[in-house]
Amino acid sequence: MKKPPIIWTNVLFFSLTFLAAVILVPWYGITHGFSSAHWIAFVACMFYAGMSITAGYHRLWAHKTYDAHPAIEAFFALGGAFALQNSALHWSSDHRIHHGQVDDPVKDPYAATNGFWYSHIGWMLRDYQGDSYSDYSNCRDLQRNKVVMWQHRHYMKLVLATNIGIPLALGLMVGDVFGMLLLAGLLRLVLSQHFTFFINSVAHIWGSRPYTEKNTARDNGFLALFTYGEGYHNFHHIFASDYRNGIRWFHYDPTKWLIRSLAALGLARKLKRTPVERIEKAKAETLMNKTQIRLAKLPLAQDKLTLLQQEYDLLLKKLQHFCALKKQVLEVKKNNMLQQCEKSALITQYHELEAAWESQKQAWLALNARLLKASFS
């Protein structure tokens, strides 16, 4: 099959900016040096560009995990142009296709099944989209968004204004325009782009799949450090409407923290969260499927498979009871008419079911570990 034509503009842009960054930035650092002000500005520009993509392009517009004030939308629209990753409309359209056709070597715009190079940057170096490039029929909602369409219409003007204007203004502040253009402009541009591209490539190759094995997306806590919390990709691909990627308190997800902070300030609302029951059920089902596949290869494994199914059914039963009572407790706490004794009794029952669920969860994990260990011995 003949490959699509090369997009020489993209090839030259990515090649020249990369070469300039790896040559000019070290040269200037050695000959002139960068001050702490340079590095602070560099980090600030990295976060502005990166979080405009993660909190804006990705979680706000592509997946609509929350609603934001128009001023915040404008802030992210400018940051997206600063990141130079195409307009929010085009980016969101590509990303929605990716989620709908994930891993399809033809339909997924950056399918990981086509290899690391393709999913990381190769998909942008040839005209793979062809006539469908400007088909935004999957983004009718965004076509009604005034901020998104304003950015889409004036995208190139905004790219020039932000990528020249922001480093220039910072350079004038510290008295070193050229150094700031190199560090906060050039190096920031190259790194912020490739860090975001890691989500297309690395996050579909290295990591764990605790929530689903139906696609290549993986959770990678180390990758989250470079992608503003987007490294928990296995979770994201099964629960894409959740405003969080890292759901545990210790998960590094600054994008989640930013969205939550905006909500506290009244600048974001309708934050969507996946119910605990759905998350735990997905984890249990994925683990059971892994164990079943391995046990099925062993002779006389039927008794073990039956035990596994019984424990799985009991786990889900206790999970459902716990989550149902949790909803009742939340409703009761809002009801000031109920007597304190009634509330106390319900909360006591809640803690008992929570303990039962946690106990069954630990027993379930121990059973899987034991069965898997036996399958390899």
Protein backbone atom coordinates (compact mmCIF):
# COMPACT_ATOMS: atom_id res chain seq x y z
CA MET A 1 0.00 0.00 0.00
CA LYS A 2 1.36 3.39 -1.02
CA LYS A 3 2.12 5.73 1.87
CA PRO A 4 0.45 9.18 1.98
CA PRO A 5 2.59 12.13 0.89
CA ILE A 6 5.00 13.69 3.37
CA ILE A 7 3.93 16.97 4.97
CA TRP A 8 7.23 18.80 4.52
CA THR A 9 6.13 21.80 6.57
CA ASN A 10 5.70 19.59 9.64
CA VAL A 11 8.90 17.64 8.96
CA LEU A 12 10.97 20.81 8.70
CA PHE A 13 9.29 22.43 11.69
CA PHE A 14 9.84 19.49 14.06
CA SER A 15 13.37 18.86 12.75
CA LEU A 16 14.61 22.44 12.85
CA THR A 17 13.10 23.32 16.23
CA PHE A 18 14.56 20.15 17.75
CA LEU A 19 18.03 20.79 16.30
CA ALA A 20 17.94 24.44 17.36
CA ALA A 21 16.91 23.47 20.90
CA VAL A 22 19.65 20.85 21.39
CA ILE A 23 22.34 23.12 19.90
CA LEU A 24 21.48 26.74 20.72
CA VAL A 25 20.16 26.30 24.26
CA PRO A 26 23.27 24.48 25.59
CA TRP A 27 25.55 26.88 23.68
CA TYR A 28 23.88 29.93 25.17
CA GLY A 29 23.84 28.37 28.62
CA ILE A 30 27.60 27.71 28.47
CA THR A 31 28.58 31.05 26.96
CA HIS A 32 26.14 33.39 28.72
CA GLY A 33 24.36 31.37 31.39
CA PHE A 34 20.74 31.25 32.50
CA SER A 35 19.62 32.91 35.72
CA SER A 36 17.07 31.57 38.20
CA ALA A 37 14.56 34.00 36.64
CA HIS A 38 15.09 32.29 33.27
CA TRP A 39 14.36 28.86 34.75
CA ILE A 40 11.33 30.05 36.71
CA ALA A 41 9.90 31.56 33.52
CA PHE A 42 10.70 28.35 31.62
CA VAL A 43 8.84 26.17 34.16
CA ALA A 44 5.90 28.61 34.24
CA CYS A 45 5.65 28.55 30.43
CA MET A 46 5.90 24.75 30.41
CA PHE A 47 3.01 24.46 32.86
CA TYR A 48 0.91 27.08 31.06
CA ALA A 49 1.29 25.36 27.68
CA GLY A 50 0.98 21.84 29.09
CA MET A 51 -2.00 22.41 31.36
CA SER A 52 -3.80 24.36 28.64
CA ILE A 53 -3.71 21.10 26.70
CA THR A 54 -4.53 18.75 29.58
CA ALA A 55 -7.09 20.84 31.49
CA GLY A 56 -8.35 22.72 28.43
CA TYR A 57 -8.08 20.80 25.18
CA HIS A 58 -8.31 17.35 26.78
CA ARG A 59 -10.52 17.32 29.85
CA LEU A 60 -12.62 20.42 29.18
CA TRP A 61 -13.28 20.31 25.45
CA ALA A 62 -12.47 16.82 24.12
CA HIS A 63 -14.21 14.96 26.97
CA LYS A 64 -16.39 17.65 28.59
CA THR A 65 -15.54 16.42 32.09
CA TYR A 66 -16.47 19.81 33.55
CA ASP A 67 -17.71 23.27 32.60
CA ALA A 68 -15.48 26.34 32.85
CA HIS A 69 -16.03 30.09 33.04
CA PRO A 70 -15.51 31.83 29.64
CA ALA A 71 -12.46 33.65 31.05
CA ILE A 72 -10.85 30.29 31.87
CA GLU A 73 -11.74 29.00 28.41
CA ALA A 74 -10.02 32.01 26.84
CA PHE A 75 -6.99 31.45 29.08
CA PHE A 76 -6.73 27.83 27.90
CA ALA A 77 -7.37 28.77 24.26
CA LEU A 78 -4.39 31.15 24.31
CA GLY A 79 -2.28 28.56 26.11
CA GLY A 80 -3.22 25.95 23.51
CA ALA A 81 -1.98 28.23 20.75
CA PHE A 82 1.18 28.80 22.81
CA ALA A 83 1.63 25.01 22.96
CA LEU A 84 1.28 24.90 19.16
CA GLN A 85 -0.80 21.73 18.96
CA ASN A 86 -3.38 22.88 16.43
CA SER A 87 -6.71 24.43 17.36
CA ALA A 88 -8.84 23.09 20.20
CA LEU A 89 -11.50 22.10 17.66
CA HIS A 90 -9.12 20.05 15.54
CA TRP A 91 -7.31 18.54 18.53
CA SER A 92 -10.57 17.51 20.18
CA SER A 93 -11.91 16.01 16.96
CA ASP A 94 -8.80 13.86 16.53
CA HIS A 95 -8.88 12.82 20.16
CA ARG A 96 -12.54 11.79 20.09
CA ILE A 97 -11.81 9.61 17.05
CA HIS A 98 -8.87 8.10 18.94
CA HIS A 99 -11.11 7.11 21.85
CA GLY A 100 -13.81 5.75 19.59
CA GLN A 101 -11.41 3.76 17.39
CA VAL A 102 -8.54 3.14 19.81
CA ASP A 103 -5.80 0.85 18.44
CA ASP A 104 -7.44 0.56 15.01
CA PRO A 105 -4.40 0.85 12.67
CA VAL A 106 -6.41 2.80 10.10
CA LYS A 107 -9.12 4.75 11.94
CA ASP A 108 -7.22 5.70 15.12
CA PRO A 109 -5.25 8.89 14.19
CA TYR A 110 -2.31 7.90 16.40
CA ALA A 111 -2.77 4.15 16.86
CA ALA A 112 -0.14 2.61 19.13
CA THR A 113 -0.56 -0.63 17.17
CA ASN A 114 1.34 1.08 14.32
CA GLY A 115 4.47 1.35 16.45
CA PHE A 116 6.12 3.87 18.76
CA TRP A 117 7.38 6.25 16.07
CA TYR A 118 4.01 6.47 14.35
CA SER A 119 1.99 7.04 17.53
CA HIS A 120 4.49 9.55 18.91
CA ILE A 121 5.07 11.83 15.94
CA GLY A 122 4.93 9.89 12.67
CA TRP A 123 1.18 10.37 12.29
CA MET A 124 1.80 14.11 11.82
CA LEU A 125 4.56 13.79 9.24
CA ARG A 126 2.41 12.34 6.43
CA ASP A 127 -1.04 13.28 5.18
CA TYR A 128 -2.80 10.28 6.71
CA GLN A 129 -6.08 12.15 7.23
CA GLY A 130 -6.41 13.37 3.66
CA ASP A 131 -9.85 14.77 2.84
CA SER A 132 -11.13 14.07 6.36
CA TYR A 133 -8.70 16.58 7.90
CA SER A 134 -11.35 19.28 8.31
CA ASP A 135 -14.26 17.00 9.16
CA TYR A 136 -15.44 18.18 12.57
CA SER A 137 -18.82 16.46 12.53
CA ASN A 138 -17.99 14.77 15.85
CA CYS A 139 -17.60 18.18 17.51
CA ARG A 140 -20.95 19.86 16.89
CA ASP A 141 -20.99 20.95 20.53
CA LEU A 142 -17.63 22.70 20.20
CA GLN A 143 -18.73 24.40 17.00
CA ARG A 144 -21.30 26.19 19.14
CA ASN A 145 -18.63 27.32 21.60
CA LYS A 146 -17.66 30.94 20.88
CA VAL A 147 -14.20 30.70 22.48
CA VAL A 148 -13.30 27.49 20.64
CA MET A 149 -14.40 28.87 17.27
CA TRP A 150 -12.67 32.22 17.87
CA GLN A 151 -9.41 30.37 18.52
CA HIS A 152 -9.97 28.10 15.51
CA ARG A 153 -10.53 31.05 13.15
CA HIS A 154 -7.52 33.02 14.41
CA TYR A 155 -5.26 30.11 15.34
CA MET A 156 -2.13 31.10 13.38
CA LYS A 157 -2.35 34.71 14.55
CA LEU A 158 -2.61 33.51 18.15
CA VAL A 159 0.34 31.14 17.64
CA LEU A 160 2.56 34.00 16.50
CA ALA A 161 1.29 36.38 19.16
CA THR A 162 1.83 33.98 22.05
CA ASN A 163 5.04 32.28 20.93
CA ILE A 164 6.74 35.58 20.23
CA GLY A 165 4.91 37.87 22.64
CA ILE A 166 5.14 35.80 25.86
CA PRO A 167 8.91 35.01 25.72
CA LEU A 168 9.61 38.56 24.50
CA ALA A 169 7.72 40.11 27.41
CA LEU A 170 9.47 37.82 29.89
CA GLY A 171 12.83 38.60 28.28
CA LEU A 172 12.28 42.33 28.68
CA MET A 173 11.41 41.77 32.34
CA VAL A 174 14.69 39.96 33.09
CA GLY A 175 16.80 41.97 30.65
CA ASP A 176 17.70 39.07 28.34
CA VAL A 177 15.35 38.75 25.39
CA PHE A 178 17.41 36.27 23.33
CA GLY A 179 18.02 33.94 26.27
CA MET A 180 14.32 33.92 27.14
CA LEU A 181 13.35 33.28 23.51
CA LEU A 182 15.63 30.24 23.58
CA LEU A 183 14.61 28.85 26.96
CA ALA A 184 10.96 29.81 27.51
CA GLY A 185 10.28 29.91 23.79
CA LEU A 186 12.22 27.30 21.86
CA LEU A 187 13.10 24.69 24.52
CA ARG A 188 9.65 24.99 26.12
CA LEU A 189 8.01 24.44 22.73
CA VAL A 190 10.00 21.29 21.93
CA LEU A 191 9.65 19.73 25.37
CA SER A 192 5.97 20.58 25.92
CA GLN A 193 5.06 19.07 22.56
CA HIS A 194 6.99 15.83 23.06
CA PHE A 195 5.77 15.44 26.65
CA THR A 196 2.20 15.61 25.38
CA PHE A 197 3.02 13.22 22.52
CA PHE A 198 4.10 10.68 25.18
CA ILE A 199 0.39 10.12 25.86
CA ASN A 200 -0.06 8.85 22.30
CA SER A 201 2.99 6.59 22.43
CA VAL A 202 4.57 5.76 25.81
CA ALA A 203 1.23 5.58 27.65
CA HIS A 204 0.12 2.87 25.22
CA ILE A 205 3.31 0.81 25.54
CA TRP A 206 4.69 0.85 29.11
CA GLY A 207 2.74 0.48 32.32
CA SER A 208 -0.02 -1.54 33.95
CA ARG A 209 -3.61 -2.23 32.93
CA PRO A 210 -5.60 -2.62 36.15
CA TYR A 211 -8.97 -1.38 34.81
CA THR A 212 -9.22 -2.95 31.37
CA GLU A 213 -7.17 -4.99 28.93
CA LYS A 214 -9.45 -4.27 25.99
CA ASN A 215 -7.04 -1.63 24.65
CA THR A 216 -3.32 -0.79 24.85
CA ALA A 217 -3.68 2.19 27.21
CA ARG A 218 -1.63 1.84 30.39
CA ASP A 219 -1.23 3.49 33.78
CA ASN A 220 2.27 4.88 34.26
CA GLY A 221 2.85 6.99 37.38
CA PHE A 222 6.33 8.03 36.24
CA LEU A 223 4.95 9.32 32.94
CA ALA A 224 2.41 11.40 34.89
CA LEU A 225 5.31 13.53 36.16
CA PHE A 226 6.01 14.76 32.62
CA THR A 227 2.42 15.00 31.39
CA TYR A 228 0.74 16.98 34.21
CA GLY A 229 -1.10 13.91 35.49
CA GLU A 230 -2.08 12.32 32.18
CA GLY A 231 -0.02 9.17 32.80
CA TYR A 232 -2.92 7.22 34.35
CA HIS A 233 -4.08 6.33 30.88
CA ASN A 234 -5.65 2.93 31.44
CA PHE A 235 -8.10 4.52 33.87
CA HIS A 236 -8.73 7.38 31.46
CA HIS A 237 -9.59 5.17 28.50
CA ILE A 238 -12.32 3.32 30.37
CA PHE A 239 -13.59 6.34 32.35
CA ALA A 240 -12.94 9.19 29.92
CA SER A 241 -15.70 11.43 31.31
CA ASP A 242 -13.99 11.66 34.72
CA TYR A 243 -12.23 14.99 35.33
CA ARG A 244 -9.49 13.08 37.15
CA ASN A 245 -6.83 10.79 35.75
CA GLY A 246 -5.09 9.98 39.00
CA ILE A 247 -7.89 9.05 41.40
CA ARG A 248 -5.86 8.30 44.54
CA TRP A 249 -4.78 11.16 46.81
CA PHE A 250 -1.11 10.35 46.19
CA HIS A 251 -1.40 10.24 42.40
CA TYR A 252 0.46 13.14 40.81
CA ASP A 253 -2.25 14.88 38.81
CA PRO A 254 -1.80 18.69 38.83
CA THR A 255 -4.46 19.00 36.14
CA LYS A 256 -7.00 17.49 38.55
CA TRP A 257 -5.84 19.84 41.31
CA LEU A 258 -6.15 22.84 38.99
CA ILE A 259 -9.70 21.92 37.96
CA ARG A 260 -10.67 21.35 41.60
CA SER A 261 -9.16 24.72 42.56
CA LEU A 262 -11.06 26.48 39.78
CA ALA A 263 -14.26 24.87 41.09
CA ALA A 264 -13.52 26.13 44.61
CA LEU A 265 -13.15 29.65 43.17
CA GLY A 266 -16.43 29.38 41.25
CA LEU A 267 -14.66 29.28 37.87
CA ALA A 268 -15.52 25.64 37.10
CA ARG A 269 -18.58 23.51 37.79
CA LYS A 270 -20.24 20.19 37.03
CA LEU A 271 -17.07 18.19 37.70
CA LYS A 272 -17.78 14.60 36.67
CA ARG A 273 -16.54 11.70 38.82
CA THR A 274 -16.90 8.00 38.15
CA PRO A 275 -18.78 6.18 40.95
CA VAL A 276 -16.58 4.02 43.18
CA GLU A 277 -18.71 0.98 42.37
CA ARG A 278 -17.89 1.18 38.65
CA ILE A 279 -14.17 1.65 39.30
CA GLU A 280 -13.87 -1.25 41.73
CA LYS A 281 -15.98 -3.50 39.53
CA ALA A 282 -13.73 -2.76 36.54
CA LYS A 283 -10.62 -3.62 38.57
CA ALA A 284 -12.16 -6.84 39.91
CA GLU A 285 -13.36 -7.95 36.48
CA THR A 286 -9.97 -7.26 34.88
CA LEU A 287 -8.14 -9.23 37.58
CA MET A 288 -10.59 -12.12 37.31
CA ASN A 289 -10.17 -12.31 33.55
CA LYS A 290 -6.36 -12.42 33.93
CA THR A 291 -6.59 -15.20 36.51
CA GLN A 292 -9.16 -17.17 34.50
CA ILE A 293 -7.00 -17.11 31.38
CA ARG A 294 -3.99 -18.42 33.26
CA LEU A 295 -5.95 -21.08 35.17
CA ALA A 296 -7.65 -22.30 32.01
CA LYS A 297 -4.26 -23.46 30.73
CA LEU A 298 -3.84 -25.83 33.68
CA PRO A 299 -5.24 -29.37 33.87
CA LEU A 300 -8.09 -29.97 36.33
CA ALA A 301 -8.59 -26.24 36.92
CA GLN A 302 -12.39 -26.31 37.04
CA ASP A 303 -12.60 -26.33 40.86
CA LYS A 304 -10.31 -23.31 41.06
CA LEU A 305 -12.32 -21.47 38.40
CA THR A 306 -15.54 -22.20 40.30
CA LEU A 307 -14.02 -20.89 43.54
CA LEU A 308 -12.80 -17.78 41.73
CA GLN A 309 -16.27 -17.09 40.32
CA GLN A 310 -17.93 -17.57 43.73
CA GLU A 311 -15.54 -15.13 45.41
CA TYR A 312 -16.01 -12.64 42.57
CA ASP A 313 -19.80 -12.78 42.91
CA LEU A 314 -19.53 -12.31 46.68
CA LEU A 315 -17.17 -9.37 46.18
CA LEU A 316 -19.59 -7.60 43.85
CA LYS A 317 -22.50 -8.28 46.19
CA LYS A 318 -20.74 -6.68 49.15
CA LEU A 319 -19.56 -3.80 46.97
CA GLN A 320 -23.14 -3.10 45.80
CA HIS A 321 -24.48 -3.17 49.36
CA PHE A 322 -21.73 -0.84 50.57
CA CYS A 323 -22.19 1.67 47.74
CA ALA A 324 -25.98 1.65 48.09
CA LEU A 325 -25.71 2.44 51.80
CA LYS A 326 -23.08 5.08 51.10
CA LYS A 327 -25.62 6.92 48.93
CA GLN A 328 -28.15 6.71 51.76
CA VAL A 329 -25.66 8.14 54.23
CA LEU A 330 -24.93 11.08 51.95
CA GLU A 331 -28.65 11.79 51.60
CA VAL A 332 -29.21 11.45 55.36
CA LYS A 333 -26.46 13.95 56.13
CA LYS A 334 -28.36 16.50 54.07
CA ASN A 335 -31.64 15.78 55.88
CA ASN A 336 -31.84 17.86 59.04
CA MET A 337 -35.24 16.41 59.95
CA LEU A 338 -33.94 12.98 60.95
CA GLN A 339 -33.16 12.23 64.57
CA GLN A 340 -29.52 11.97 65.59
CA CYS A 341 -30.03 8.36 66.74
CA GLU A 342 -31.29 7.38 63.28
CA LYS A 343 -28.26 8.97 61.67
CA SER A 344 -25.90 7.27 64.12
CA ALA A 345 -27.45 3.85 63.48
CA LEU A 346 -27.14 4.29 59.74
CA ILE A 347 -23.54 5.47 59.96
CA THR A 348 -22.69 2.51 62.20
CA GLN A 349 -24.16 0.16 59.61
CA TYR A 350 -22.21 2.01 56.93
CA HIS A 351 -18.91 1.41 58.72
CA GLU A 352 -19.77 -2.26 59.17
CA LEU A 353 -20.48 -2.72 55.47
CA GLU A 354 -17.35 -0.76 54.58
CA ALA A 355 -15.28 -3.11 56.77
CA ALA A 356 -16.98 -6.15 55.22
CA TRP A 357 -16.27 -4.87 51.73
CA GLU A 358 -12.61 -4.14 52.52
CA SER A 359 -12.21 -7.57 54.11
CA GLN A 360 -13.72 -9.29 51.09
CA LYS A 361 -11.54 -7.19 48.77
CA GLN A 362 -8.38 -8.31 50.59
CA ALA A 363 -9.56 -11.92 50.51
CA TRP A 364 -10.26 -11.58 46.78
CA LEU A 365 -6.79 -10.20 46.06
CA ALA A 366 -5.18 -12.91 48.21
CA LEU A 367 -7.12 -15.64 46.40
CA ASN A 368 -6.01 -14.37 42.99
CA ALA A 369 -2.41 -14.12 44.13
CA ARG A 370 -2.54 -17.66 45.52
CA LEU A 371 -4.13 -19.13 42.39
CA LEU A 372 -1.72 -17.31 40.09
CA LYS A 373 1.25 -18.45 42.18
CA ALA A 374 -0.01 -22.04 42.02
CA SER A 375 -0.36 -21.79 38.24
CA PHE A 376 3.36 -21.03 37.89
CA SER A 377 4.64 -23.58 40.43
